[in-house]
N, C-alpha and C. Protein backbone atom coordinates (compact mmCIF):
# COMPACT_ATOMS: atom_id res chain seq x y z
N MET A 1 -76.87 28.26 50.13
CA MET A 1 -75.77 29.20 50.03
C MET A 1 -75.44 29.40 48.55
N HIS A 2 -75.40 30.64 48.12
CA HIS A 2 -75.07 30.96 46.73
C HIS A 2 -73.57 31.19 46.61
N LEU A 3 -72.94 30.47 45.72
CA LEU A 3 -71.50 30.60 45.52
C LEU A 3 -71.23 31.26 44.17
N THR A 4 -70.15 32.01 44.10
CA THR A 4 -69.74 32.59 42.83
C THR A 4 -69.05 31.49 42.01
N THR A 5 -68.85 31.78 40.75
CA THR A 5 -68.18 30.83 39.87
C THR A 5 -66.77 30.54 40.37
N THR A 6 -66.09 31.57 40.83
CA THR A 6 -64.73 31.41 41.37
C THR A 6 -64.74 30.47 42.57
N GLU A 7 -65.72 30.63 43.44
CA GLU A 7 -65.81 29.77 44.61
C GLU A 7 -66.09 28.32 44.21
N ARG A 8 -66.93 28.12 43.20
CA ARG A 8 -67.21 26.75 42.74
C ARG A 8 -65.96 26.10 42.16
N ILE A 9 -65.21 26.87 41.40
CA ILE A 9 -63.97 26.33 40.80
C ILE A 9 -62.98 26.01 41.91
N THR A 10 -62.90 26.85 42.93
CA THR A 10 -62.01 26.59 44.06
C THR A 10 -62.40 25.31 44.77
N ILE A 11 -63.69 25.08 44.93
CA ILE A 11 -64.15 23.83 45.55
C ILE A 11 -63.67 22.63 44.73
N LEU A 12 -63.82 22.72 43.41
CA LEU A 12 -63.37 21.61 42.56
C LEU A 12 -61.87 21.39 42.69
N MET A 13 -61.14 22.47 42.73
CA MET A 13 -59.68 22.34 42.84
C MET A 13 -59.31 21.71 44.18
N MET A 14 -59.98 22.12 45.25
CA MET A 14 -59.69 21.54 46.57
C MET A 14 -60.12 20.08 46.64
N ARG A 15 -61.19 19.75 45.95
CA ARG A 15 -61.74 18.40 46.02
C ARG A 15 -60.98 17.41 45.16
N GLU A 16 -60.68 17.80 43.92
CA GLU A 16 -60.18 16.79 42.98
C GLU A 16 -58.78 17.02 42.47
N TYR A 17 -58.36 18.26 42.42
CA TYR A 17 -57.11 18.55 41.72
C TYR A 17 -56.05 19.03 42.69
N GLY A 18 -55.48 18.13 43.42
CA GLY A 18 -54.40 18.47 44.33
C GLY A 18 -53.45 17.31 44.40
N ASP A 19 -52.64 17.29 45.45
CA ASP A 19 -51.73 16.17 45.64
C ASP A 19 -52.50 14.88 45.93
N LYS A 20 -53.65 15.04 46.53
CA LYS A 20 -54.48 13.88 46.84
C LYS A 20 -55.94 14.26 46.66
N MET A 21 -56.78 13.26 46.53
CA MET A 21 -58.21 13.55 46.40
C MET A 21 -58.78 13.70 47.81
N ARG A 22 -59.29 14.89 48.09
CA ARG A 22 -59.82 15.17 49.41
C ARG A 22 -61.28 14.72 49.51
N SER A 23 -61.70 14.50 50.73
CA SER A 23 -63.11 14.16 50.95
C SER A 23 -63.95 15.43 50.86
N HIS A 24 -65.26 15.25 50.78
CA HIS A 24 -66.15 16.40 50.76
C HIS A 24 -65.98 17.23 52.03
N GLN A 25 -65.80 16.54 53.15
CA GLN A 25 -65.64 17.22 54.44
C GLN A 25 -64.40 18.10 54.44
N GLU A 26 -63.27 17.56 54.00
CA GLU A 26 -62.04 18.35 53.94
C GLU A 26 -62.19 19.53 52.98
N SER A 27 -62.83 19.30 51.85
CA SER A 27 -63.00 20.36 50.85
C SER A 27 -63.80 21.52 51.39
N ARG A 28 -64.89 21.22 52.08
CA ARG A 28 -65.75 22.30 52.55
C ARG A 28 -65.12 23.09 53.68
N ILE A 29 -64.27 22.47 54.49
CA ILE A 29 -63.64 23.19 55.60
C ILE A 29 -62.41 23.95 55.12
N LEU A 30 -61.61 23.35 54.24
CA LEU A 30 -60.37 23.97 53.80
C LEU A 30 -60.57 25.07 52.75
N THR A 31 -61.68 25.05 52.03
CA THR A 31 -61.85 25.98 50.92
C THR A 31 -61.86 27.43 51.39
N TYR A 32 -62.70 27.75 52.36
CA TYR A 32 -62.77 29.12 52.88
C TYR A 32 -62.76 29.06 54.40
N PRO A 33 -61.57 28.94 55.01
CA PRO A 33 -61.51 28.76 56.46
C PRO A 33 -61.93 30.01 57.26
N ASN A 34 -61.95 31.18 56.63
CA ASN A 34 -62.26 32.41 57.36
C ASN A 34 -63.74 32.73 57.42
N ARG A 35 -64.58 31.89 56.88
CA ARG A 35 -66.02 32.14 56.92
C ARG A 35 -66.74 30.86 57.30
N ASP A 36 -68.05 30.93 57.42
CA ASP A 36 -68.82 29.73 57.74
C ASP A 36 -68.51 28.65 56.72
N PRO A 37 -68.32 27.42 57.19
CA PRO A 37 -67.99 26.36 56.23
C PRO A 37 -69.12 26.11 55.23
N ILE A 38 -68.74 25.75 54.05
CA ILE A 38 -69.69 25.43 53.00
C ILE A 38 -70.30 24.08 53.34
N SER A 39 -71.59 23.93 53.11
CA SER A 39 -72.25 22.67 53.47
C SER A 39 -71.75 21.52 52.59
N LYS A 40 -71.83 20.33 53.16
CA LYS A 40 -71.41 19.14 52.43
C LYS A 40 -72.25 18.96 51.17
N ALA A 41 -73.54 19.28 51.27
CA ALA A 41 -74.43 19.13 50.12
C ALA A 41 -74.03 20.07 48.99
N THR A 42 -73.59 21.29 49.32
CA THR A 42 -73.16 22.24 48.30
C THR A 42 -71.93 21.73 47.57
N VAL A 43 -70.97 21.19 48.32
CA VAL A 43 -69.76 20.63 47.71
C VAL A 43 -70.14 19.44 46.83
N TYR A 44 -71.00 18.57 47.35
CA TYR A 44 -71.42 17.39 46.60
C TYR A 44 -72.13 17.78 45.30
N ARG A 45 -73.07 18.74 45.38
CA ARG A 45 -73.80 19.18 44.19
C ARG A 45 -72.86 19.81 43.16
N THR A 46 -71.91 20.61 43.63
CA THR A 46 -70.97 21.27 42.72
C THR A 46 -70.12 20.24 41.99
N VAL A 47 -69.60 19.27 42.72
CA VAL A 47 -68.75 18.23 42.11
C VAL A 47 -69.57 17.38 41.14
N SER A 48 -70.77 16.98 41.55
CA SER A 48 -71.59 16.13 40.66
C SER A 48 -72.05 16.91 39.43
N ARG A 49 -72.35 18.21 39.58
CA ARG A 49 -72.74 19.03 38.42
C ARG A 49 -71.58 19.11 37.43
N PHE A 50 -70.35 19.27 37.96
CA PHE A 50 -69.18 19.34 37.08
C PHE A 50 -68.95 18.01 36.37
N GLU A 51 -69.11 16.91 37.08
CA GLU A 51 -68.92 15.60 36.46
C GLU A 51 -70.00 15.33 35.41
N ARG A 52 -71.21 15.80 35.66
CA ARG A 52 -72.33 15.55 34.75
C ARG A 52 -72.29 16.45 33.51
N THR A 53 -72.00 17.74 33.70
CA THR A 53 -72.09 18.69 32.58
C THR A 53 -70.75 19.21 32.09
N GLY A 54 -69.70 19.06 32.90
CA GLY A 54 -68.40 19.61 32.52
C GLY A 54 -68.30 21.10 32.79
N SER A 55 -69.26 21.64 33.52
CA SER A 55 -69.28 23.07 33.83
C SER A 55 -69.69 23.27 35.28
N VAL A 56 -69.28 24.39 35.86
CA VAL A 56 -69.68 24.70 37.23
C VAL A 56 -70.86 25.66 37.26
N ALA A 57 -71.30 26.09 36.09
CA ALA A 57 -72.42 27.03 36.02
C ALA A 57 -73.71 26.35 36.47
N VAL A 58 -74.54 27.13 37.12
CA VAL A 58 -75.83 26.62 37.58
C VAL A 58 -76.74 26.46 36.37
N GLU A 59 -77.50 25.36 36.34
CA GLU A 59 -78.39 25.12 35.22
C GLU A 59 -79.48 26.18 35.17
N GLN A 60 -79.92 26.49 33.98
CA GLN A 60 -80.97 27.47 33.82
C GLN A 60 -82.28 26.91 34.36
N ARG A 61 -82.96 27.72 35.14
CA ARG A 61 -84.21 27.27 35.74
C ARG A 61 -85.39 27.70 34.88
N SER A 62 -86.47 26.99 35.08
CA SER A 62 -87.68 27.35 34.34
C SER A 62 -88.33 28.56 35.00
N GLY A 63 -89.23 29.17 34.29
CA GLY A 63 -89.93 30.33 34.84
C GLY A 63 -89.61 31.57 34.03
N ARG A 64 -90.26 32.62 34.40
CA ARG A 64 -90.10 33.87 33.68
C ARG A 64 -88.74 34.48 33.97
N SER A 65 -88.03 34.87 32.93
CA SER A 65 -86.72 35.46 33.12
C SER A 65 -86.85 36.95 33.41
N LYS A 66 -85.83 37.49 34.02
CA LYS A 66 -85.83 38.91 34.32
C LYS A 66 -85.66 39.68 33.02
N THR A 67 -86.48 40.68 32.83
CA THR A 67 -86.35 41.51 31.64
C THR A 67 -86.03 42.94 31.99
N ALA A 68 -86.64 43.46 33.04
CA ALA A 68 -86.48 44.87 33.37
C ALA A 68 -85.21 45.12 34.17
N THR A 69 -84.67 44.12 34.82
CA THR A 69 -83.49 44.36 35.65
C THR A 69 -82.29 43.52 35.22
N ASN A 70 -82.20 43.19 33.94
CA ASN A 70 -81.01 42.48 33.49
C ASN A 70 -79.84 43.46 33.40
N ASP A 71 -78.63 42.95 33.23
CA ASP A 71 -77.43 43.79 33.29
C ASP A 71 -77.43 44.91 32.26
N ASP A 72 -77.92 44.64 31.06
CA ASP A 72 -77.93 45.67 30.01
C ASP A 72 -78.83 46.84 30.40
N VAL A 73 -80.00 46.53 30.93
CA VAL A 73 -80.94 47.59 31.32
C VAL A 73 -80.40 48.37 32.52
N VAL A 74 -79.80 47.67 33.47
CA VAL A 74 -79.23 48.34 34.64
C VAL A 74 -78.15 49.33 34.20
N LEU A 75 -77.29 48.89 33.29
CA LEU A 75 -76.24 49.77 32.78
C LEU A 75 -76.84 50.97 32.04
N GLU A 76 -77.89 50.72 31.27
CA GLU A 76 -78.54 51.81 30.54
C GLU A 76 -79.16 52.82 31.50
N VAL A 77 -79.79 52.34 32.57
CA VAL A 77 -80.38 53.24 33.57
C VAL A 77 -79.29 54.06 34.25
N LEU A 78 -78.20 53.40 34.63
CA LEU A 78 -77.12 54.12 35.31
C LEU A 78 -76.48 55.15 34.38
N GLN A 79 -76.38 54.82 33.10
CA GLN A 79 -75.82 55.78 32.15
C GLN A 79 -76.75 56.95 31.94
N SER A 80 -78.05 56.71 32.02
CA SER A 80 -79.01 57.79 31.76
C SER A 80 -79.16 58.73 32.95
N VAL A 81 -78.60 58.37 34.07
CA VAL A 81 -78.69 59.23 35.25
C VAL A 81 -77.53 60.23 35.20
N GLU A 82 -77.50 61.01 34.14
CA GLU A 82 -76.45 62.02 34.01
C GLU A 82 -76.77 63.25 34.85
N ASN A 83 -78.03 63.50 35.06
CA ASN A 83 -78.47 64.64 35.84
C ASN A 83 -79.34 64.11 36.96
N HIS A 84 -78.92 64.27 38.22
CA HIS A 84 -79.67 63.66 39.31
C HIS A 84 -81.01 64.34 39.57
N HIS A 85 -81.35 65.36 38.80
CA HIS A 85 -82.67 65.97 38.91
C HIS A 85 -83.66 65.38 37.91
N LYS A 86 -83.20 64.47 37.07
CA LYS A 86 -84.08 63.84 36.07
C LYS A 86 -85.03 62.89 36.80
N PRO A 87 -86.32 63.03 36.60
CA PRO A 87 -87.27 62.17 37.32
C PRO A 87 -87.23 60.72 36.83
N PRO A 88 -87.56 59.79 37.72
CA PRO A 88 -87.57 58.38 37.35
C PRO A 88 -88.51 58.07 36.18
N SER A 89 -89.60 58.83 36.07
CA SER A 89 -90.53 58.58 34.96
C SER A 89 -89.88 58.86 33.61
N LYS A 90 -89.03 59.88 33.56
CA LYS A 90 -88.31 60.21 32.31
C LYS A 90 -87.29 59.12 31.98
N ILE A 91 -86.58 58.65 33.01
CA ILE A 91 -85.61 57.57 32.81
C ILE A 91 -86.34 56.31 32.33
N ALA A 92 -87.50 56.04 32.92
CA ALA A 92 -88.29 54.86 32.53
C ALA A 92 -88.71 54.95 31.06
N GLN A 93 -89.12 56.14 30.62
CA GLN A 93 -89.49 56.32 29.22
C GLN A 93 -88.30 56.07 28.30
N GLU A 94 -87.14 56.63 28.67
CA GLU A 94 -85.94 56.48 27.84
C GLU A 94 -85.49 55.03 27.75
N CYS A 95 -85.60 54.29 28.85
CA CYS A 95 -85.12 52.91 28.89
C CYS A 95 -86.21 51.90 28.55
N ASN A 96 -87.43 52.37 28.37
CA ASN A 96 -88.55 51.52 27.98
C ASN A 96 -88.87 50.47 29.04
N ILE A 97 -88.84 50.88 30.32
CA ILE A 97 -89.22 50.02 31.44
C ILE A 97 -90.13 50.81 32.36
N SER A 98 -90.67 50.17 33.37
CA SER A 98 -91.59 50.86 34.27
C SER A 98 -90.82 51.75 35.25
N ARG A 99 -91.54 52.72 35.79
CA ARG A 99 -90.95 53.64 36.78
C ARG A 99 -90.50 52.85 38.02
N ARG A 100 -91.30 51.87 38.42
CA ARG A 100 -90.98 51.05 39.60
C ARG A 100 -89.67 50.28 39.38
N SER A 101 -89.45 49.79 38.17
CA SER A 101 -88.20 49.07 37.87
C SER A 101 -87.01 50.01 37.97
N VAL A 102 -87.19 51.25 37.48
CA VAL A 102 -86.12 52.25 37.60
C VAL A 102 -85.81 52.50 39.07
N MET A 103 -86.84 52.65 39.87
CA MET A 103 -86.64 52.89 41.30
C MET A 103 -85.94 51.70 41.97
N ASN A 104 -86.33 50.49 41.59
CA ASN A 104 -85.67 49.30 42.14
C ASN A 104 -84.19 49.27 41.77
N ILE A 105 -83.88 49.56 40.51
CA ILE A 105 -82.49 49.56 40.06
C ILE A 105 -81.69 50.60 40.81
N LEU A 106 -82.22 51.80 40.93
CA LEU A 106 -81.51 52.87 41.63
C LEU A 106 -81.36 52.56 43.11
N THR A 107 -82.36 51.96 43.70
CA THR A 107 -82.29 51.62 45.12
C THR A 107 -81.23 50.56 45.37
N VAL A 108 -81.24 49.54 44.55
CA VAL A 108 -80.29 48.44 44.74
C VAL A 108 -78.88 48.86 44.34
N CYS A 109 -78.72 49.46 43.17
CA CYS A 109 -77.39 49.77 42.66
C CYS A 109 -76.76 50.97 43.34
N MET A 110 -77.55 51.89 43.78
CA MET A 110 -76.98 53.12 44.31
C MET A 110 -77.33 53.37 45.76
N CYS A 111 -78.16 52.52 46.32
CA CYS A 111 -78.58 52.65 47.71
C CYS A 111 -79.11 54.05 47.97
N ALA A 112 -79.85 54.58 47.01
CA ALA A 112 -80.44 55.91 47.17
C ALA A 112 -81.68 56.00 46.33
N ARG A 113 -82.75 56.44 46.88
CA ARG A 113 -83.95 56.67 46.11
C ARG A 113 -83.85 58.04 45.46
N CYS A 114 -84.28 58.12 44.20
CA CYS A 114 -84.20 59.38 43.48
C CYS A 114 -84.88 60.51 44.24
N GLU A 115 -86.01 60.21 44.88
CA GLU A 115 -86.80 61.25 45.51
C GLU A 115 -86.26 61.66 46.87
N SER A 116 -85.37 60.90 47.46
CA SER A 116 -84.94 61.22 48.82
C SER A 116 -83.44 61.07 49.02
N LEU A 117 -82.65 61.72 48.19
CA LEU A 117 -81.21 61.69 48.37
C LEU A 117 -80.79 62.34 49.69
N TYR A 118 -81.61 63.27 50.17
CA TYR A 118 -81.28 63.98 51.40
C TYR A 118 -81.31 63.07 52.62
N ASN A 119 -81.89 61.86 52.51
CA ASN A 119 -81.94 60.96 53.65
C ASN A 119 -80.60 60.27 53.92
N CYS A 120 -79.72 60.26 52.95
CA CYS A 120 -78.41 59.67 53.15
C CYS A 120 -77.61 60.56 54.09
N ASN A 121 -76.68 59.98 54.82
CA ASN A 121 -75.86 60.83 55.67
C ASN A 121 -74.93 61.67 54.80
N LYS A 122 -74.28 62.65 55.39
CA LYS A 122 -73.52 63.63 54.60
C LYS A 122 -72.39 62.98 53.79
N ALA A 123 -71.70 62.03 54.36
CA ALA A 123 -70.60 61.39 53.62
C ALA A 123 -71.12 60.63 52.42
N MET A 124 -72.20 59.88 52.60
CA MET A 124 -72.77 59.14 51.49
C MET A 124 -73.33 60.09 50.44
N HIS A 125 -73.97 61.18 50.89
CA HIS A 125 -74.54 62.16 49.97
C HIS A 125 -73.43 62.77 49.12
N LYS A 126 -72.29 63.06 49.74
CA LYS A 126 -71.16 63.63 49.01
C LYS A 126 -70.65 62.65 47.96
N GLU A 127 -70.52 61.37 48.33
CA GLU A 127 -70.05 60.37 47.38
C GLU A 127 -71.04 60.18 46.23
N ILE A 128 -72.32 60.21 46.53
CA ILE A 128 -73.33 60.08 45.48
C ILE A 128 -73.25 61.26 44.53
N ASN A 129 -73.06 62.47 45.07
CA ASN A 129 -72.93 63.65 44.21
C ASN A 129 -71.70 63.56 43.32
N ILE A 130 -70.61 63.01 43.85
CA ILE A 130 -69.41 62.81 43.03
C ILE A 130 -69.71 61.85 41.88
N ILE A 131 -70.43 60.78 42.19
CA ILE A 131 -70.78 59.81 41.16
C ILE A 131 -71.64 60.46 40.09
N PHE A 132 -72.63 61.26 40.51
CA PHE A 132 -73.51 61.92 39.55
C PHE A 132 -72.78 62.98 38.74
N SER A 133 -71.70 63.54 39.28
CA SER A 133 -70.99 64.59 38.56
C SER A 133 -70.17 64.04 37.40
N LEU A 134 -69.93 62.72 37.39
CA LEU A 134 -69.20 62.10 36.29
C LEU A 134 -70.18 61.86 35.15
N ARG A 135 -70.35 62.84 34.30
CA ARG A 135 -71.43 62.80 33.32
C ARG A 135 -71.07 62.15 31.99
N SER A 136 -69.82 61.96 31.72
CA SER A 136 -69.41 61.40 30.44
C SER A 136 -69.70 59.91 30.39
N ARG A 137 -70.20 59.45 29.27
CA ARG A 137 -70.47 58.02 29.12
C ARG A 137 -69.17 57.21 29.11
N HIS A 138 -68.05 57.89 28.90
CA HIS A 138 -66.76 57.21 28.91
C HIS A 138 -66.33 56.89 30.33
N ASN A 139 -67.00 57.46 31.31
CA ASN A 139 -66.63 57.22 32.69
C ASN A 139 -67.51 56.16 33.36
N VAL A 140 -68.21 55.35 32.59
CA VAL A 140 -69.11 54.35 33.15
C VAL A 140 -68.34 53.39 34.04
N PHE A 141 -67.16 52.97 33.61
CA PHE A 141 -66.36 52.04 34.41
C PHE A 141 -66.00 52.68 35.75
N THR A 142 -65.61 53.95 35.72
CA THR A 142 -65.27 54.67 36.95
C THR A 142 -66.48 54.77 37.86
N ILE A 143 -67.64 55.06 37.28
CA ILE A 143 -68.87 55.17 38.06
C ILE A 143 -69.19 53.83 38.71
N LEU A 144 -69.06 52.75 37.95
CA LEU A 144 -69.36 51.43 38.51
C LEU A 144 -68.40 51.07 39.63
N LEU A 145 -67.13 51.44 39.49
CA LEU A 145 -66.17 51.19 40.57
C LEU A 145 -66.54 51.99 41.82
N LEU A 146 -66.94 53.25 41.62
CA LEU A 146 -67.35 54.07 42.76
C LEU A 146 -68.61 53.51 43.42
N LEU A 147 -69.55 53.04 42.61
CA LEU A 147 -70.76 52.44 43.17
C LEU A 147 -70.43 51.18 43.96
N LEU A 148 -69.51 50.38 43.45
CA LEU A 148 -69.09 49.18 44.16
C LEU A 148 -68.47 49.55 45.49
N HIS A 149 -67.61 50.57 45.49
CA HIS A 149 -66.98 51.04 46.71
C HIS A 149 -68.03 51.54 47.70
N LEU A 150 -68.99 52.31 47.21
CA LEU A 150 -70.06 52.84 48.05
C LEU A 150 -70.89 51.71 48.64
N TYR A 151 -71.21 50.72 47.83
CA TYR A 151 -72.01 49.59 48.29
C TYR A 151 -71.25 48.81 49.37
N GLU A 152 -69.96 48.56 49.15
CA GLU A 152 -69.16 47.84 50.14
C GLU A 152 -69.08 48.63 51.44
N LYS A 153 -68.96 49.94 51.33
CA LYS A 153 -68.88 50.80 52.50
C LYS A 153 -70.17 50.74 53.30
N MET A 154 -71.31 50.80 52.60
CA MET A 154 -72.60 50.75 53.28
C MET A 154 -72.86 49.36 53.84
N ASP A 155 -72.42 48.32 53.13
CA ASP A 155 -72.59 46.96 53.60
C ASP A 155 -71.79 46.76 54.90
N GLY A 156 -70.61 47.37 54.97
CA GLY A 156 -69.79 47.29 56.18
C GLY A 156 -70.43 47.99 57.36
N LYS A 157 -71.16 49.08 57.12
CA LYS A 157 -71.82 49.80 58.21
C LYS A 157 -72.99 49.02 58.77
N GLN A 158 -73.63 48.18 57.94
CA GLN A 158 -74.79 47.43 58.39
C GLN A 158 -74.39 46.26 59.28
N LYS A 159 -73.17 45.78 59.16
CA LYS A 159 -72.72 44.61 59.95
C LYS A 159 -72.37 44.98 61.36
């Protein structure tokens, strides 16, 4: 189970920093009662990582790091999509990444393939057009908020 930093900090607060020191069992059940309980191993690893390193951040793993889909490149791709008729190959040239990486970013971040916007239902197509119509680079924050809203909406439909 992947936890956010906020969730890890909440686990620590429930486990160690309260009126009493709770057990791992109490911490995992009380932390997020409205969802599946967090495993005992996850609570144990989080607490021991904090005691060992003083941080709740996950240690950096070995292996090749992401280069084409890091946050900076994703933001650059989203900013370069000022005109939804611009082909992915042109965006790839501008951002200095492969066309496939551009397609992956657009698919994940916008839940729409550049070549097939018409496959989205009418409500989603309208929202995507609104997002694309915000062409100013000063509206990046607004665009990201709209994308987050769109993603949450689509995630809710899948459940």
